[in-house]
PDB file of N, CA and C in Angstrom:
ATOM      1  N   UNK A   1       0.781  -1.203   0.000  1.00  0.00           N
ATOM      2  CA  UNK A   1       0.000   0.000   0.000  1.00  0.00           C
ATOM      3  C   UNK A   1       0.828   1.275   0.000  1.00  0.00           C
ATOM      4  N   UNK A   2       2.130   1.181   0.021  1.00  0.00           N
ATOM      5  CA  UNK A   2       2.909   2.428  -0.035  1.00  0.00           C
ATOM      6  C   UNK A   2       2.610   3.246  -1.292  1.00  0.00           C
ATOM      7  N   UNK A   3       2.273   2.562  -2.403  1.00  0.00           N
ATOM      8  CA  UNK A   3       1.963   3.295  -3.627  1.00  0.00           C
ATOM      9  C   UNK A   3       0.709   4.149  -3.438  1.00  0.00           C
ATOM     10  N   UNK A   4      -0.276   3.651  -2.706  1.00  0.00           N
ATOM     11  CA  UNK A   4      -1.483   4.448  -2.465  1.00  0.00           C
ATOM     12  C   UNK A   4      -1.182   5.655  -1.588  1.00  0.00           C
ATOM     13  N   UNK A   5      -0.329   5.470  -0.594  1.00  0.00           N
ATOM     14  CA  UNK A   5       0.057   6.595   0.262  1.00  0.00           C
ATOM     15  C   UNK A   5       0.745   7.680  -0.561  1.00  0.00           C
ATOM     16  N   UNK A   6       1.619   7.263  -1.445  1.00  0.00           N
ATOM     17  CA  UNK A   6       2.350   8.225  -2.283  1.00  0.00           C
ATOM     18  C   UNK A   6       1.391   8.986  -3.202  1.00  0.00           C
ATOM     19  N   UNK A   7       0.469   8.277  -3.826  1.00  0.00           N
ATOM     20  CA  UNK A   7      -0.492   8.934  -4.720  1.00  0.00           C
ATOM     21  C   UNK A   7      -1.462   9.789  -3.910  1.00  0.00           C
ATOM     22  N   UNK A   8      -1.852   9.315  -2.731  1.00  0.00           N
ATOM     23  CA  UNK A   8      -2.714  10.104  -1.857  1.00  0.00           C
ATOM     24  C   UNK A   8      -2.056  11.447  -1.552  1.00  0.00           C
ATOM     25  N   UNK A   9      -0.775  11.431  -1.231  1.00  0.00           N
ATOM     26  CA  UNK A   9      -0.063  12.671  -0.916  1.00  0.00           C
ATOM     27  C   UNK A   9      -0.096  13.641  -2.096  1.00  0.00           C
ATOM     28  N   UNK A  10      -0.057  13.107  -3.304  1.00  0.00           N
ATOM     29  CA  UNK A  10      -0.110  13.952  -4.499  1.00  0.00           C
ATOM     30  C   UNK A  10      -1.486  14.599  -4.664  1.00  0.00           C
ATOM     31  N   UNK A  11      -2.551  13.867  -4.352  1.00  0.00           N
ATOM     32  CA  UNK A  11      -3.914  14.328  -4.623  1.00  0.00           C
ATOM     33  C   UNK A  11      -4.687  14.781  -3.385  1.00  0.00           C
ATOM     34  N   UNK A  12      -4.091  14.752  -2.223  1.00  0.00           N
ATOM     35  CA  UNK A  12      -4.844  14.994  -0.994  1.00  0.00           C
ATOM     36  C   UNK A  12      -5.520  16.366  -0.922  1.00  0.00           C
ATOM     37  N   UNK A  13      -4.989  17.347  -1.624  1.00  0.00           N
ATOM     38  CA  UNK A  13      -5.630  18.668  -1.591  1.00  0.00           C
ATOM     39  C   UNK A  13      -6.536  18.902  -2.798  1.00  0.00           C
ATOM     40  N   UNK A  14      -6.717  17.892  -3.623  1.00  0.00           N
ATOM     41  CA  UNK A  14      -7.579  17.998  -4.799  1.00  0.00           C
ATOM     42  C   UNK A  14      -9.017  17.679  -4.378  1.00  0.00           C
ATOM     43  N   UNK A  15      -9.925  18.651  -4.457  1.00  0.00           N
ATOM     44  CA  UNK A  15     -11.296  18.410  -4.001  1.00  0.00           C
ATOM     45  C   UNK A  15     -12.069  17.415  -4.871  1.00  0.00           C
ATOM     46  N   UNK A  16     -11.550  17.065  -6.036  1.00  0.00           N
ATOM     47  CA  UNK A  16     -12.230  16.110  -6.906  1.00  0.00           C
ATOM     48  C   UNK A  16     -11.821  14.662  -6.651  1.00  0.00           C
ATOM     49  N   UNK A  17     -10.875  14.449  -5.731  1.00  0.00           N
ATOM     50  CA  UNK A  17     -10.335  13.108  -5.505  1.00  0.00           C
ATOM     51  C   UNK A  17     -10.471  12.746  -4.026  1.00  0.00           C
ATOM     52  N   UNK A  18     -10.978  11.541  -3.775  1.00  0.00           N
ATOM     53  CA  UNK A  18     -11.070  11.035  -2.406  1.00  0.00           C
ATOM     54  C   UNK A  18     -10.545   9.604  -2.375  1.00  0.00           C
ATOM     55  N   UNK A  19      -9.846   9.283  -1.320  1.00  0.00           N
ATOM     56  CA  UNK A  19      -9.342   7.935  -1.100  1.00  0.00           C
ATOM     57  C   UNK A  19     -10.059   7.361   0.117  1.00  0.00           C
ATOM     58  N   UNK A  20     -10.600   6.169  -0.024  1.00  0.00           N
ATOM     59  CA  UNK A  20     -11.219   5.477   1.094  1.00  0.00           C
ATOM     60  C   UNK A  20     -10.721   4.035   1.049  1.00  0.00           C
ATOM     61  N   UNK A  21     -10.036   3.635   2.089  1.00  0.00           N
ATOM     62  CA  UNK A  21      -9.566   2.257   2.194  1.00  0.00           C
ATOM     63  C   UNK A  21     -10.579   1.481   3.029  1.00  0.00           C
ATOM     64  N   UNK A  22     -10.921   0.281   2.588  1.00  0.00           N
ATOM     65  CA  UNK A  22     -11.857  -0.552   3.329  1.00  0.00           C
ATOM     66  C   UNK A  22     -11.166  -1.874   3.624  1.00  0.00           C
ATOM     67  N   UNK A  23     -11.100  -2.196   4.898  1.00  0.00           N
ATOM     68  CA  UNK A  23     -10.465  -3.435   5.336  1.00  0.00           C
ATOM     69  C   UNK A  23     -11.531  -4.474   5.655  1.00  0.00           C
ATOM     70  N   UNK A  24     -11.206  -5.721   5.381  1.00  0.00           N
ATOM     71  CA  UNK A  24     -12.076  -6.818   5.799  1.00  0.00           C
ATOM     72  C   UNK A  24     -11.410  -7.608   6.932  1.00  0.00           C
ATOM     73  N   UNK A  25     -10.512  -6.947   7.619  1.00  0.00           N
ATOM     74  CA  UNK A  25      -9.805  -7.542   8.745  1.00  0.00           C
ATOM     75  C   UNK A  25     -10.812  -7.938   9.834  1.00  0.00           C
ATOM     76  N   UNK A  26     -10.652  -9.120  10.382  1.00  0.00           N
ATOM     77  CA  UNK A  26     -11.563  -9.605  11.420  1.00  0.00           C
ATOM     78  C   UNK A  26     -11.318  -8.962  12.783  1.00  0.00           C
ATOM     79  N   UNK A  27     -10.166  -8.338  12.946  1.00  0.00           N
ATOM     80  CA  UNK A  27      -9.792  -7.798  14.255  1.00  0.00           C
ATOM     81  C   UNK A  27      -9.666  -6.276  14.171  1.00  0.00           C
ATOM     82  N   UNK A  28     -10.670  -5.531  14.649  1.00  0.00           N
ATOM     83  CA  UNK A  28     -10.616  -4.065  14.576  1.00  0.00           C
ATOM     84  C   UNK A  28      -9.404  -3.470  15.285  1.00  0.00           C
ATOM     85  N   UNK A  29      -8.970  -4.072  16.368  1.00  0.00           N
ATOM     86  CA  UNK A  29      -7.802  -3.549  17.093  1.00  0.00           C
ATOM     87  C   UNK A  29      -6.540  -3.706  16.251  1.00  0.00           C
ATOM     88  N   UNK A  30      -6.404  -4.835  15.578  1.00  0.00           N
ATOM     89  CA  UNK A  30      -5.243  -5.052  14.710  1.00  0.00           C
ATOM     90  C   UNK A  30      -5.250  -4.052  13.559  1.00  0.00           C
ATOM     91  N   UNK A  31      -6.421  -3.803  12.990  1.00  0.00           N
ATOM     92  CA  UNK A  31      -6.527  -2.809  11.919  1.00  0.00           C
ATOM     93  C   UNK A  31      -6.129  -1.431  12.430  1.00  0.00           C
ATOM     94  N   UNK A  32      -6.593  -1.057  13.604  1.00  0.00           N
ATOM     95  CA  UNK A  32      -6.252   0.249  14.176  1.00  0.00           C
ATOM     96  C   UNK A  32      -4.742   0.379  14.376  1.00  0.00           C
ATOM     97  N   UNK A  33      -4.103  -0.681  14.855  1.00  0.00           N
ATOM     98  CA  UNK A  33      -2.638  -0.654  15.028  1.00  0.00           C
ATOM     99  C   UNK A  33      -1.941  -0.500  13.682  1.00  0.00           C
ATOM    100  N   UNK A  34      -2.407  -1.237  12.686  1.00  0.00           N
ATOM    101  CA  UNK A  34      -1.807  -1.177  11.347  1.00  0.00           C
ATOM    102  C   UNK A  34      -1.913   0.234  10.775  1.00  0.00           C
ATOM    103  N   UNK A  35      -3.086   0.829  10.883  1.00  0.00           N
ATOM    104  CA  UNK A  35      -3.291   2.188  10.369  1.00  0.00           C
ATOM    105  C   UNK A  35      -2.382   3.170  11.101  1.00  0.00           C
ATOM    106  N   UNK A  36      -2.286   3.023  12.402  1.00  0.00           N
ATOM    107  CA  UNK A  36      -1.429   3.915  13.190  1.00  0.00           C
ATOM    108  C   UNK A  36       0.051   3.733  12.833  1.00  0.00           C
ATOM    109  N   UNK A  37       0.486   2.490  12.705  1.00  0.00           N
ATOM    110  CA  UNK A  37       1.881   2.215  12.365  1.00  0.00           C
ATOM    111  C   UNK A  37       2.240   2.769  10.993  1.00  0.00           C
ATOM    112  N   UNK A  38       1.334   2.649  10.038  1.00  0.00           N
ATOM    113  CA  UNK A  38       1.581   3.113   8.665  1.00  0.00           C
ATOM    114  C   UNK A  38       1.342   4.605   8.488  1.00  0.00           C
ATOM    115  N   UNK A  39       0.764   5.225   9.509  1.00  0.00           N
ATOM    116  CA  UNK A  39       0.493   6.673   9.472  1.00  0.00           C
ATOM    117  C   UNK A  39      -0.406   7.056   8.292  1.00  0.00           C
ATOM    118  N   UNK A  40      -1.438   6.244   8.040  1.00  0.00           N
ATOM    119  CA  UNK A  40      -2.364   6.546   6.957  1.00  0.00           C
ATOM    120  C   UNK A  40      -3.128   7.820   7.282  1.00  0.00           C
ATOM    121  N   UNK A  41      -3.083   8.780   6.386  1.00  0.00           N
ATOM    122  CA  UNK A  41      -3.840  10.015   6.558  1.00  0.00           C
ATOM    123  C   UNK A  41      -5.193   9.910   5.861  1.00  0.00           C
ATOM    124  N   UNK A  42      -5.362   8.890   5.027  1.00  0.00           N
ATOM    125  CA  UNK A  42      -6.626   8.741   4.305  1.00  0.00           C
ATOM    126  C   UNK A  42      -7.644   7.995   5.161  1.00  0.00           C
ATOM    127  N   UNK A  43      -8.899   8.085   4.779  1.00  0.00           N
ATOM    128  CA  UNK A  43      -9.983   7.427   5.498  1.00  0.00           C
ATOM    129  C   UNK A  43      -9.850   5.915   5.384  1.00  0.00           C
ATOM    130  N   UNK A  44      -9.970   5.236   6.512  1.00  0.00           N
ATOM    131  CA  UNK A  44      -9.920   3.775   6.535  1.00  0.00           C
ATOM    132  C   UNK A  44     -11.163   3.281   7.272  1.00  0.00           C
ATOM    133  N   UNK A  45     -11.916   2.428   6.598  1.00  0.00           N
ATOM    134  CA  UNK A  45     -13.099   1.823   7.203  1.00  0.00           C
ATOM    135  C   UNK A  45     -12.924   0.324   7.269  1.00  0.00           C
ATOM    136  N   UNK A  46     -13.859  -0.336   7.929  1.00  0.00           N
ATOM    137  CA  UNK A  46     -13.798  -1.783   8.058  1.00  0.00           C
ATOM    138  C   UNK A  46     -15.188  -2.358   7.829  1.00  0.00           C
ATOM    139  N   UNK A  47     -15.220  -3.485   7.168  1.00  0.00           N
ATOM    140  CA  UNK A  47     -16.481  -4.200   6.971  1.00  0.00           C
ATOM    141  C   UNK A  47     -16.216  -5.690   7.045  1.00  0.00           C
ATOM    142  N   UNK A  48     -17.257  -6.429   7.150  1.00  0.00           N
ATOM    143  CA  UNK A  48     -17.147  -7.886   7.172  1.00  0.00           C
ATOM    144  C   UNK A  48     -16.887  -8.396   5.758  1.00  0.00           C
ATOM    145  N   UNK A  49     -16.140  -9.493   5.614  1.00  0.00           N
ATOM    146  CA  UNK A  49     -15.865 -10.044   4.281  1.00  0.00           C
ATOM    147  C   UNK A  49     -17.128 -10.323   3.467  1.00  0.00           C
ATOM    148  N   UNK A  50     -18.173 -10.843   4.106  1.00  0.00           N
ATOM    149  CA  UNK A  50     -19.412 -11.132   3.374  1.00  0.00           C
ATOM    150  C   UNK A  50     -20.056  -9.865   2.832  1.00  0.00           C
ATOM    151  N   UNK A  51     -20.021  -8.785   3.612  1.00  0.00           N
ATOM    152  CA  UNK A  51     -20.604  -7.516   3.171  1.00  0.00           C
ATOM    153  C   UNK A  51     -19.807  -6.949   1.995  1.00  0.00           C
ATOM    154  N   UNK A  52     -18.487  -7.049   2.051  1.00  0.00           N
ATOM    155  CA  UNK A  52     -17.648  -6.569   0.947  1.00  0.00           C
ATOM    156  C   UNK A  52     -17.904  -7.392  -0.302  1.00  0.00           C
ATOM    157  N   UNK A  53     -18.028  -8.691  -0.127  1.00  0.00           N
ATOM    158  CA  UNK A  53     -18.289  -9.563  -1.266  1.00  0.00           C
ATOM    159  C   UNK A  53     -19.618  -9.222  -1.922  1.00  0.00           C
ATOM    160  N   UNK A  54     -20.614  -8.967  -1.108  1.00  0.00           N
ATOM    161  CA  UNK A  54     -21.940  -8.646  -1.618  1.00  0.00           C
ATOM    162  C   UNK A  54     -21.961  -7.268  -2.303  1.00  0.00           C
ATOM    163  N   UNK A  55     -21.353  -6.280  -1.678  1.00  0.00           N
ATOM    164  CA  UNK A  55     -21.396  -4.912  -2.206  1.00  0.00           C
ATOM    165  C   UNK A  55     -20.541  -4.741  -3.461  1.00  0.00           C
ATOM    166  N   UNK A  56     -19.355  -5.352  -3.470  1.00  0.00           N
ATOM    167  CA  UNK A  56     -18.409  -5.121  -4.563  1.00  0.00           C
ATOM    168  C   UNK A  56     -18.081  -6.374  -5.363  1.00  0.00           C
ATOM    169  N   UNK A  57     -18.712  -7.488  -5.018  1.00  0.00           N
ATOM    170  CA  UNK A  57     -18.399  -8.761  -5.666  1.00  0.00           C
ATOM    171  C   UNK A  57     -16.897  -9.048  -5.577  1.00  0.00           C
ATOM    172  N   UNK A  58     -16.370  -8.888  -4.372  1.00  0.00           N
ATOM    173  CA  UNK A  58     -14.944  -9.050  -4.123  1.00  0.00           C
ATOM    174  C   UNK A  58     -14.661 -10.438  -3.590  1.00  0.00           C
ATOM    175  N   UNK A  59     -13.761 -11.134  -4.243  1.00  0.00           N
ATOM    176  CA  UNK A  59     -13.245 -12.399  -3.729  1.00  0.00           C
ATOM    177  C   UNK A  59     -11.733 -12.324  -3.586  1.00  0.00           C
ATOM    178  N   UNK A  60     -11.118 -11.387  -4.306  1.00  0.00           N
ATOM    179  CA  UNK A  60      -9.669 -11.199  -4.254  1.00  0.00           C
ATOM    180  C   UNK A  60      -9.333 -10.021  -3.353  1.00  0.00           C
ATOM    181  N   UNK A  61      -8.271 -10.176  -2.602  1.00  0.00           N
ATOM    182  CA  UNK A  61      -7.775  -9.085  -1.780  1.00  0.00           C
ATOM    183  C   UNK A  61      -6.313  -8.920  -2.140  1.00  0.00           C
ATOM    184  N   UNK A  62      -5.835  -7.771  -2.435  1.00  0.00           N
ATOM    185  CA  UNK A  62      -6.583  -6.518  -2.426  1.00  0.00           C
ATOM    186  C   UNK A  62      -7.407  -6.319  -3.694  1.00  0.00           C
ATOM    187  N   UNK A  63      -8.340  -5.410  -3.610  1.00  0.00           N
ATOM    188  CA  UNK A  63      -9.119  -4.978  -4.772  1.00  0.00           C
ATOM    189  C   UNK A  63      -9.197  -3.460  -4.704  1.00  0.00           C
ATOM    190  N   UNK A  64      -8.959  -2.813  -5.818  1.00  0.00           N
ATOM    191  CA  UNK A  64      -8.984  -1.353  -5.878  1.00  0.00           C
ATOM    192  C   UNK A  64     -10.041  -0.944  -6.885  1.00  0.00           C
ATOM    193  N   UNK A  65     -10.910  -0.040  -6.470  1.00  0.00           N
ATOM    194  CA  UNK A  65     -11.974   0.447  -7.336  1.00  0.00           C
ATOM    195  C   UNK A  65     -11.800   1.933  -7.566  1.00  0.00           C
ATOM    196  N   UNK A  66     -11.974   2.340  -8.791  1.00  0.00           N
ATOM    197  CA  UNK A  66     -11.899   3.749  -9.184  1.00  0.00           C
ATOM    198  C   UNK A  66     -13.311   4.158  -9.569  1.00  0.00           C
ATOM    199  N   UNK A  67     -13.891   5.012  -8.745  1.00  0.00           N
ATOM    200  CA  UNK A  67     -15.305   5.357  -8.861  1.00  0.00           C
ATOM    201  C   UNK A  67     -15.430   6.808  -9.314  1.00  0.00           C
ATOM    202  N   UNK A  68     -16.279   7.034 -10.319  1.00  0.00           N
ATOM    203  CA  UNK A  68     -16.428   8.403 -10.827  1.00  0.00           C
ATOM    204  C   UNK A  68     -17.337   9.231  -9.923  1.00  0.00           C
ATOM    205  N   UNK A  69     -17.503  10.487 -10.283  1.00  0.00           N
ATOM    206  CA  UNK A  69     -18.285  11.411  -9.443  1.00  0.00           C
ATOM    207  C   UNK A  69     -19.758  11.047  -9.378  1.00  0.00           C
ATOM    208  N   UNK A  70     -20.223  10.159 -10.254  1.00  0.00           N
ATOM    209  CA  UNK A  70     -21.609   9.695 -10.219  1.00  0.00           C
ATOM    210  C   UNK A  70     -21.761   8.397  -9.427  1.00  0.00           C
ATOM    211  N   UNK A  71     -20.663   7.917  -8.843  1.00  0.00           N
ATOM    212  CA  UNK A  71     -20.712   6.703  -8.043  1.00  0.00           C
ATOM    213  C   UNK A  71     -20.620   5.415  -8.840  1.00  0.00           C
ATOM    214  N   UNK A  72     -20.178   5.514 -10.090  1.00  0.00           N
ATOM    215  CA  UNK A  72     -20.067   4.336 -10.950  1.00  0.00           C
ATOM    216  C   UNK A  72     -18.619   3.839 -10.954  1.00  0.00           C
ATOM    217  N   UNK A  73     -18.448   2.550 -10.717  1.00  0.00           N
ATOM    218  CA  UNK A  73     -17.108   1.967 -10.781  1.00  0.00           C
ATOM    219  C   UNK A  73     -16.694   1.938 -12.246  1.00  0.00           C
ATOM    220  N   UNK A  74     -15.637   2.659 -12.581  1.00  0.00           N
ATOM    221  CA  UNK A  74     -15.156   2.731 -13.964  1.00  0.00           C
ATOM    222  C   UNK A  74     -13.953   1.829 -14.218  1.00  0.00           C
ATOM    223  N   UNK A  75     -13.118   1.658 -13.196  1.00  0.00           N
ATOM    224  CA  UNK A  75     -11.931   0.815 -13.323  1.00  0.00           C
ATOM    225  C   UNK A  75     -11.770   0.044 -12.032  1.00  0.00           C
ATOM    226  N   UNK A  76     -11.135  -1.111 -12.145  1.00  0.00           N
ATOM    227  CA  UNK A  76     -10.801  -1.866 -10.951  1.00  0.00           C
ATOM    228  C   UNK A  76      -9.549  -2.695 -11.195  1.00  0.00           C
ATOM    229  N   UNK A  77      -8.817  -2.918 -10.130  1.00  0.00           N
ATOM    230  CA  UNK A  77      -7.636  -3.784 -10.168  1.00  0.00           C
ATOM    231  C   UNK A  77      -7.811  -4.768  -9.022  1.00  0.00           C
ATOM    232  N   UNK A  78      -7.758  -6.042  -9.340  1.00  0.00           N
ATOM    233  CA  UNK A  78      -7.995  -7.066  -8.319  1.00  0.00           C
ATOM    234  C   UNK A  78      -6.757  -7.922  -8.111  1.00  0.00           C
ATOM    235  N   UNK A  79      -6.592  -8.339  -6.863  1.00  0.00           N
ATOM    236  CA  UNK A  79      -5.487  -9.212  -6.520  1.00  0.00           C
ATOM    237  C   UNK A  79      -4.150  -8.500  -6.621  1.00  0.00           C
ATOM    238  N   UNK A  80      -3.113  -9.255  -6.884  1.00  0.00           N
ATOM    239  CA  UNK A  80      -1.764  -8.715  -6.936  1.00  0.00           C
ATOM    240  C   UNK A  80      -1.369  -8.234  -8.316  1.00  0.00           C
ATOM    241  N   UNK A  81      -2.268  -7.568  -8.990  1.00  0.00           N
ATOM    242  CA  UNK A  81      -2.009  -7.058 -10.342  1.00  0.00           C
ATOM    243  C   UNK A  81      -0.948  -5.956 -10.258  1.00  0.00           C
ATOM    244  N   UNK A  82       0.280  -6.271 -10.631  1.00  0.00           N
ATOM    245  CA  UNK A  82       1.384  -5.347 -10.393  1.00  0.00           C
ATOM    246  C   UNK A  82       1.251  -4.037 -11.146  1.00  0.00           C
ATOM    247  N   UNK A  83       0.792  -4.047 -12.397  1.00  0.00           N
ATOM    248  CA  UNK A  83       0.686  -2.771 -13.104  1.00  0.00           C
ATOM    249  C   UNK A  83      -0.412  -1.895 -12.517  1.00  0.00           C
ATOM    250  N   UNK A  84      -1.388  -2.480 -11.850  1.00  0.00           N
ATOM    251  CA  UNK A  84      -2.437  -1.701 -11.197  1.00  0.00           C
ATOM    252  C   UNK A  84      -1.974  -1.115  -9.880  1.00  0.00           C
ATOM    253  N   UNK A  85      -0.839  -1.598  -9.389  1.00  0.00           N
ATOM    254  CA  UNK A  85      -0.337  -1.145  -8.100  1.00  0.00           C
ATOM    255  C   UNK A  85       0.717  -0.049  -8.205  1.00  0.00           C
ATOM    256  N   UNK A  86       1.122   0.335  -9.394  1.00  0.00           N
ATOM    257  CA  UNK A  86       2.181   1.332  -9.497  1.00  0.00           C
ATOM    258  C   UNK A  86       1.632   2.739  -9.309  1.00  0.00           C
ATOM    259  N   UNK A  87       2.475   3.634  -8.823  1.00  0.00           N
ATOM    260  CA  UNK A  87       2.078   5.032  -8.614  1.00  0.00           C
ATOM    261  C   UNK A  87       1.562   5.643  -9.911  1.00  0.00           C
ATOM    262  N   UNK A  88       2.297   5.405 -10.991  1.00  0.00           N
ATOM    263  CA  UNK A  88       1.913   5.990 -12.276  1.00  0.00           C
ATOM    264  C   UNK A  88       0.568   5.448 -12.752  1.00  0.00           C
ATOM    265  N   UNK A  89       0.335   4.168 -12.556  1.00  0.00           N
ATOM    266  CA  UNK A  89      -0.918   3.566 -13.017  1.00  0.00           C
ATOM    267  C   UNK A  89      -2.099   4.092 -12.196  1.00  0.00           C
ATOM    268  N   UNK A  90      -1.944   4.190 -10.890  1.00  0.00           N
ATOM    269  CA  UNK A  90      -3.000   4.732 -10.042  1.00  0.00           C
ATOM    270  C   UNK A  90      -3.291   6.172 -10.453  1.00  0.00           C
ATOM    271  N   UNK A  91      -2.235   6.950 -10.684  1.00  0.00           N
ATOM    272  CA  UNK A  91      -2.408   8.331 -11.146  1.00  0.00           C
ATOM    273  C   UNK A  91      -3.122   8.396 -12.484  1.00  0.00           C
ATOM    274  N   UNK A  92      -2.833   7.446 -13.376  1.00  0.00           N
ATOM    275  CA  UNK A  92      -3.495   7.414 -14.680  1.00  0.00           C
ATOM    276  C   UNK A  92      -4.998   7.201 -14.509  1.00  0.00           C
ATOM    277  N   UNK A  93      -5.378   6.247 -13.668  1.00  0.00           N
ATOM    278  CA  UNK A  93      -6.799   6.007 -13.415  1.00  0.00           C
ATOM    279  C   UNK A  93      -7.468   7.283 -12.895  1.00  0.00           C
ATOM    280  N   UNK A  94      -6.833   7.933 -11.943  1.00  0.00           N
ATOM    281  CA  UNK A  94      -7.401   9.148 -11.365  1.00  0.00           C
ATOM    282  C   UNK A  94      -7.552  10.238 -12.414  1.00  0.00           C
ATOM    283  N   UNK A  95      -6.533  10.440 -13.216  1.00  0.00           N
ATOM    284  CA  UNK A  95      -6.610  11.482 -14.249  1.00  0.00           C
ATOM    285  C   UNK A  95      -7.681  11.161 -15.289  1.00  0.00           C
ATOM    286  N   UNK A  96      -7.839   9.890 -15.618  1.00  0.00           N
ATOM    287  CA  UNK A  96      -8.898   9.502 -16.560  1.00  0.00           C
ATOM    288  C   UNK A  96     -10.280   9.817 -15.980  1.00  0.00           C
ATOM    289  N   UNK A  97     -10.468   9.541 -14.719  1.00  0.00           N
ATOM    290  CA  UNK A  97     -11.753   9.848 -14.083  1.00  0.00           C
ATOM    291  C   UNK A  97     -11.988  11.357 -13.995  1.00  0.00           C
ATOM    292  N   UNK A  98     -10.947  12.091 -13.695  1.00  0.00           N
ATOM    293  CA  UNK A  98     -11.096  13.552 -13.596  1.00  0.00           C
ATOM    294  C   UNK A  98     -11.426  14.158 -14.967  1.00  0.00           C
ATOM    295  N   UNK A  99     -10.962  13.538 -16.038  1.00  0.00           N
ATOM    296  CA  UNK A  99     -11.208  14.059 -17.388  1.00  0.00           C
ATOM    297  C   UNK A  99     -12.641  13.811 -17.843  1.00  0.00           C
ATOM    298  N   UNK A 100     -13.331  12.864 -17.203  1.00  0.00           N
ATOM    299  CA  UNK A 100     -14.741  12.587 -17.542  1.00  0.00           C
ATOM    300  C   UNK A 100     -15.600  13.721 -17.020  1.00  0.00           C
ATOM    301  N   UNK A 101     -16.310  14.344 -17.858  1.00  0.00           N
ATOM    302  CA  UNK A 101     -17.181  15.463 -17.419  1.00  0.00           C
ATOM    303  C   UNK A 101     -18.589  15.199 -17.824  1.00  0.00           C
TER     304      UNK A 101
END
């Protein structure tokens, strides 16, 4: 997740971009420690695996969704997809969404 932190730092003052991390961790205390240790400045929520599966049809972790201003998922990267995890690729997805008007 260091790539998300780096891209978050680039876009954190952009009012058109929001980052929300959702964990399916079974232990809320462990998640809180992880967030604190990593110094995540972005919003981090937690849900049950079944709820995540139902809402996003997620079976792979991690899964990244790029959602436009109308709430429509336009892009997604699932599992350990390396090109979807790079700073440049994440930035590309964001810029593509921002260009949609």
